[in-house]
Amino acid sequence: MPVFRIVHKEGKQRRLEIEKDEINIGRLSSANDIVLPDGIVSKRHARLFVKDEQYWIEDLKSTCGTFVNGFRVEEPRPLDVDDKLYIGDYVISFEEEDEEDEAEASDEDEASDEEALS
């Protein structure tokens, strides 16, 4: 499952795991899965989608543009692990869940199962 690490230029960061084949990114919470509350981010800024078992990024004609590793997204393009998306004052790292995260999630699931059985 992909993990998105979102970092604002001021250093605030968060980590999201989203299990969807289409993910909208933008300023409005009512229209987007990843919300970036910043005036230079368009209401509907970009879209991530799965094609051929790989995530792709598409800019939705945003005012300030979407960039991958410093290059402007002019047309939909595939994302690779460790690519960085630049949208407004945010950097979104596209990562795969690592084995340590998977092990922690598995341990938490087992603990929840044990509590449910008690």
C-alpha atoms as a PDB file:
ATOM      1  CA  MET A   1       0.000   0.000   0.000  1.00  0.00           C
ATOM      2  CA  PRO A   2       1.403   3.424  -0.857  1.00  0.00           C
ATOM      3  CA  VAL A   3       2.295   5.884   1.861  1.00  0.00           C
ATOM      4  CA  PHE A   4       2.252   9.617   1.303  1.00  0.00           C
ATOM      5  CA  ARG A   5       4.455  11.770   3.521  1.00  0.00           C
ATOM      6  CA  ILE A   6       3.284  15.381   3.324  1.00  0.00           C
ATOM      7  CA  VAL A   7       5.646  18.111   4.503  1.00  0.00           C
ATOM      8  CA  HIS A   8       4.861  21.840   4.593  1.00  0.00           C
ATOM      9  CA  LYS A   9       7.700  24.334   4.142  1.00  0.00           C
ATOM     10  CA  GLU A  10       7.328  25.323   7.823  1.00  0.00           C
ATOM     11  CA  GLY A  11       8.196  21.759   8.818  1.00  0.00           C
ATOM     12  CA  LYS A  12       4.739  20.442   9.723  1.00  0.00           C
ATOM     13  CA  GLN A  13       4.321  16.940   8.401  1.00  0.00           C
ATOM     14  CA  ARG A  14       1.875  14.086   8.294  1.00  0.00           C
ATOM     15  CA  ARG A  15       1.759  10.605   6.855  1.00  0.00           C
ATOM     16  CA  LEU A  16      -1.211   9.151   5.003  1.00  0.00           C
ATOM     17  CA  GLU A  17      -1.986   5.659   3.800  1.00  0.00           C
ATOM     18  CA  ILE A  18      -4.774   5.720   1.238  1.00  0.00           C
ATOM     19  CA  GLU A  19      -6.214   2.581  -0.298  1.00  0.00           C
ATOM     20  CA  LYS A  20      -7.956   4.021  -3.350  1.00  0.00           C
ATOM     21  CA  ASP A  21      -7.348   3.794  -7.066  1.00  0.00           C
ATOM     22  CA  GLU A  22      -8.005   7.523  -7.501  1.00  0.00           C
ATOM     23  CA  ILE A  23      -6.857  10.222  -5.079  1.00  0.00           C
ATOM     24  CA  ASN A  24      -7.713  13.906  -5.508  1.00  0.00           C
ATOM     25  CA  ILE A  25      -5.394  16.578  -4.118  1.00  0.00           C
ATOM     26  CA  GLY A  26      -6.379  20.182  -3.502  1.00  0.00           C
ATOM     27  CA  ARG A  27      -7.404  22.946  -1.139  1.00  0.00           C
ATOM     28  CA  LEU A  28     -11.070  22.004  -0.540  1.00  0.00           C
ATOM     29  CA  SER A  29     -11.824  19.280   1.977  1.00  0.00           C
ATOM     30  CA  SER A  30     -15.196  18.531   0.343  1.00  0.00           C
ATOM     31  CA  ALA A  31     -13.610  17.595  -2.995  1.00  0.00           C
ATOM     32  CA  ASN A  32     -10.246  16.031  -2.124  1.00  0.00           C
ATOM     33  CA  ASP A  33      -8.701  13.027  -0.386  1.00  0.00           C
ATOM     34  CA  ILE A  34      -5.462  14.874   0.361  1.00  0.00           C
ATOM     35  CA  VAL A  35      -6.246  18.411   1.527  1.00  0.00           C
ATOM     36  CA  LEU A  36      -3.522  21.066   1.339  1.00  0.00           C
ATOM     37  CA  PRO A  37      -4.993  24.188   3.006  1.00  0.00           C
ATOM     38  CA  ASP A  38      -2.934  26.855   1.295  1.00  0.00           C
ATOM     39  CA  GLY A  39      -4.060  29.738  -0.916  1.00  0.00           C
ATOM     40  CA  ILE A  40      -1.602  28.854  -3.683  1.00  0.00           C
ATOM     41  CA  VAL A  41      -3.018  25.331  -3.974  1.00  0.00           C
ATOM     42  CA  SER A  42      -5.968  25.119  -6.374  1.00  0.00           C
ATOM     43  CA  LYS A  43      -9.349  23.869  -5.175  1.00  0.00           C
ATOM     44  CA  ARG A  44      -8.875  20.738  -7.305  1.00  0.00           C
ATOM     45  CA  HIS A  45      -5.151  20.747  -7.987  1.00  0.00           C
ATOM     46  CA  ALA A  46      -4.022  17.266  -9.026  1.00  0.00           C
ATOM     47  CA  ARG A  47      -5.129  13.674  -9.273  1.00  0.00           C
ATOM     48  CA  LEU A  48      -3.312  10.435  -8.505  1.00  0.00           C
ATOM     49  CA  PHE A  49      -4.678   7.334 -10.179  1.00  0.00           C
ATOM     50  CA  VAL A  50      -3.717   3.720 -10.754  1.00  0.00           C
ATOM     51  CA  LYS A  51      -2.968   2.584 -14.296  1.00  0.00           C
ATOM     52  CA  ASP A  52      -1.265  -0.713 -15.132  1.00  0.00           C
ATOM     53  CA  GLU A  53      -0.735  -1.373 -11.391  1.00  0.00           C
ATOM     54  CA  GLN A  54       1.253   1.860 -10.952  1.00  0.00           C
ATOM     55  CA  TYR A  55       0.312   5.263  -9.546  1.00  0.00           C
ATOM     56  CA  TRP A  56       0.230   8.166 -12.006  1.00  0.00           C
ATOM     57  CA  ILE A  57      -0.044  11.921 -11.368  1.00  0.00           C
ATOM     58  CA  GLU A  58      -2.097  14.369 -13.404  1.00  0.00           C
ATOM     59  CA  ASP A  59      -2.238  18.145 -12.949  1.00  0.00           C
ATOM     60  CA  LEU A  60      -5.833  19.389 -13.146  1.00  0.00           C
ATOM     61  CA  LYS A  61      -4.998  22.681 -14.867  1.00  0.00           C
ATOM     62  CA  SER A  62      -3.918  24.201 -11.561  1.00  0.00           C
ATOM     63  CA  THR A  63      -2.815  27.817 -11.461  1.00  0.00           C
ATOM     64  CA  CYS A  64       0.647  27.252  -9.970  1.00  0.00           C
ATOM     65  CA  GLY A  65       1.313  23.788 -11.378  1.00  0.00           C
ATOM     66  CA  THR A  66       2.311  20.393 -10.055  1.00  0.00           C
ATOM     67  CA  PHE A  67       5.942  19.279 -10.111  1.00  0.00           C
ATOM     68  CA  VAL A  68       7.580  15.862  -9.784  1.00  0.00           C
ATOM     69  CA  ASN A  69      11.229  15.930  -8.728  1.00  0.00           C
ATOM     70  CA  GLY A  70      11.400  19.555  -9.889  1.00  0.00           C
ATOM     71  CA  PHE A  71       9.836  19.013 -13.339  1.00  0.00           C
ATOM     72  CA  ARG A  72       6.423  20.447 -14.188  1.00  0.00           C
ATOM     73  CA  VAL A  73       3.714  17.863 -14.886  1.00  0.00           C
ATOM     74  CA  GLU A  74       2.416  18.729 -18.365  1.00  0.00           C
ATOM     75  CA  GLU A  75       0.574  15.455 -18.955  1.00  0.00           C
ATOM     76  CA  PRO A  76      -0.184  12.395 -16.814  1.00  0.00           C
ATOM     77  CA  ARG A  77       3.007  10.578 -15.856  1.00  0.00           C
ATOM     78  CA  PRO A  78       3.858   7.520 -13.743  1.00  0.00           C
ATOM     79  CA  LEU A  79       5.246   7.859 -10.232  1.00  0.00           C
ATOM     80  CA  ASP A  80       8.127   5.833  -8.892  1.00  0.00           C
ATOM     81  CA  VAL A  81       8.857   5.042  -5.259  1.00  0.00           C
ATOM     82  CA  ASP A  82      10.712   7.960  -3.634  1.00  0.00           C
ATOM     83  CA  ASP A  83       9.397  10.504  -6.176  1.00  0.00           C
ATOM     84  CA  LYS A  84       8.580  13.881  -4.660  1.00  0.00           C
ATOM     85  CA  LEU A  85       5.516  15.910  -5.655  1.00  0.00           C
ATOM     86  CA  TYR A  86       5.718  19.674  -5.221  1.00  0.00           C
ATOM     87  CA  ILE A  87       2.358  21.416  -4.836  1.00  0.00           C
ATOM     88  CA  GLY A  88       2.374  24.944  -3.483  1.00  0.00           C
ATOM     89  CA  ASP A  89       4.380  25.016  -0.251  1.00  0.00           C
ATOM     90  CA  TYR A  90       4.049  21.239   0.186  1.00  0.00           C
ATOM     91  CA  VAL A  91       6.271  18.323  -0.712  1.00  0.00           C
ATOM     92  CA  ILE A  92       4.563  14.954  -0.946  1.00  0.00           C
ATOM     93  CA  SER A  93       6.841  11.924  -0.918  1.00  0.00           C
ATOM     94  CA  PHE A  94       5.483   8.807  -2.548  1.00  0.00           C
ATOM     95  CA  GLU A  95       6.728   5.768  -0.639  1.00  0.00           C
ATOM     96  CA  GLU A  96       5.926   2.105  -0.305  1.00  0.00           C
ATOM     97  CA  GLU A  97       5.070   0.801   3.144  1.00  0.00           C
ATOM     98  CA  ASP A  98       8.279  -0.693   4.481  1.00  0.00           C
ATOM     99  CA  GLU A  99       8.603  -4.047   6.200  1.00  0.00           C
ATOM    100  CA  GLU A 100       8.954  -2.418   9.639  1.00  0.00           C
ATOM    101  CA  ASP A 101       5.637  -0.575   9.160  1.00  0.00           C
ATOM    102  CA  GLU A 102       3.989  -3.799   7.979  1.00  0.00           C
ATOM    103  CA  ALA A 103       5.332  -5.665  11.032  1.00  0.00           C
ATOM    104  CA  GLU A 104       4.033  -2.945  13.380  1.00  0.00           C
ATOM    105  CA  ALA A 105       0.620  -3.031  11.697  1.00  0.00           C
ATOM    106  CA  SER A 106       0.548  -6.826  11.980  1.00  0.00           C
ATOM    107  CA  ASP A 107       1.462  -6.663  15.699  1.00  0.00           C
ATOM    108  CA  GLU A 108      -1.293  -4.070  16.281  1.00  0.00           C
ATOM    109  CA  ASP A 109      -3.825  -6.262  14.451  1.00  0.00           C
ATOM    110  CA  GLU A 110      -2.848  -9.275  16.553  1.00  0.00           C
ATOM    111  CA  ALA A 111      -3.159  -7.226  19.771  1.00  0.00           C
ATOM    112  CA  SER A 112      -6.618  -6.007  18.696  1.00  0.00           C
ATOM    113  CA  ASP A 113      -7.661  -9.578  17.886  1.00  0.00           C
ATOM    114  CA  GLU A 114      -6.479 -10.751  21.322  1.00  0.00           C
ATOM    115  CA  GLU A 115      -8.379  -7.925  23.071  1.00  0.00           C
ATOM    116  CA  ALA A 116     -11.530  -8.787  21.122  1.00  0.00           C
ATOM    117  CA  LEU A 117     -11.245 -12.410  22.200  1.00  0.00           C
ATOM    118  CA  SER A 118     -10.793 -11.523  25.917  1.00  0.00           C
END
